[in-house]
């Protein structure tokens, strides 16, 4: 082990937890130094964000309630007529939502996204975007039928409608969530996570609608089989490349713009526009009547999943690099070992370091870890504003 010039050992990761006591220097005043809490922005900028955030939250609430009411009125009769099928579809939807919510929040590096922002994002997808999407699908379907003819519109209608309609509605929700929770969407990785949650909510409600339609198309004589078949196809087969993936890509664009206070330079604006166009193109690919059969669908899903993964790995790598750099800077300021600070950039690293501490000290150590990580993420958000 290397020692400091004064022959005293450098603090290890287990000295008073993962945030060791700083080394003394001739310029350090007496008394303990603490990990500083992240400094809030100036009051003027906070006040400037408060009104748009409140307005966005009110708008989200109103539109979610309107969407919920519309969907309830549209689905009331089939649900009442086929209650067992509806209950099974709802139960499968709840399971899908719970599992997807856990997974998609966990994919955000360092820490999960803000819980309130996550719930609001899912609610927008569940109610507002889906309710408006049902209305818009009907309107655009009539336009295509009149302009292209019934036969061509029947084949290409979904591929022409969904990218323009559903992706725009989900994107609007991601923007509103970013404005309503400005500290929760400060960069591309945040936008990816919030976008995926909006898409998850949309997918769950759409699965329920498709299940009830399948029951009606079977003449109500298929029992629970149409519901199970719909779930297998839409969750098991196309789920990995469904709405969550497309909205995650579009959400990354929102994060790019939010990182610079919605005032991007040309290069960043072009990147954001290309990401939104990519999300629409992926949606078109999934709905286009190309590469038929199960193998064709699997190929399209694989392309969508691979593209989304590439976007995710790109923003994840950049974000983790910024957080590690910020933690390394904090280590220098606190006089602690750099490796001990950088270990806090992962959940596993924080748990591992915490387990090395005696049980009575763990709450205090966990608090210091949280403050260091929060401060590092604040710095990383500032770095994101200068990238691209």
Foldseek 3Di string as FASTA:
>chain_A
DDDDPVRDRFDDCQQLFLQHWADDDPPDDDDGDAQDFADDDDPVVVVVLQVLLVVLVVVLVVLLVVQVVLVCVVCVVLCVVQVVLLVVLVVLLVVLLVVLLVVLQVLQFLHGFDPVLLVSLLSLLQGRLQSQLVVQLVVQLVVCCVPPNDVVCVQQVQLVRCLVRSLVSSLVSLLSSCSNCVVRQLALSSLLSSQLSSQSSNLSNVLSVQLSVQCVVVVVPPRNVSSVVSCCCSCVQQVLQGRSLLRSLLRSLSSLCSLQVNDDDPVSNVSNVVSSVVSSVLSSLQRHPPQDDSVRNNVSSVVSNVVSVVSSVVVSVLLLVQLLVLQQVSCVVSNHDSVSSSLSRGPVSSVVRLVSYDPVSSVVNVVSSVSSSVNSNVRSSNVSNVDD
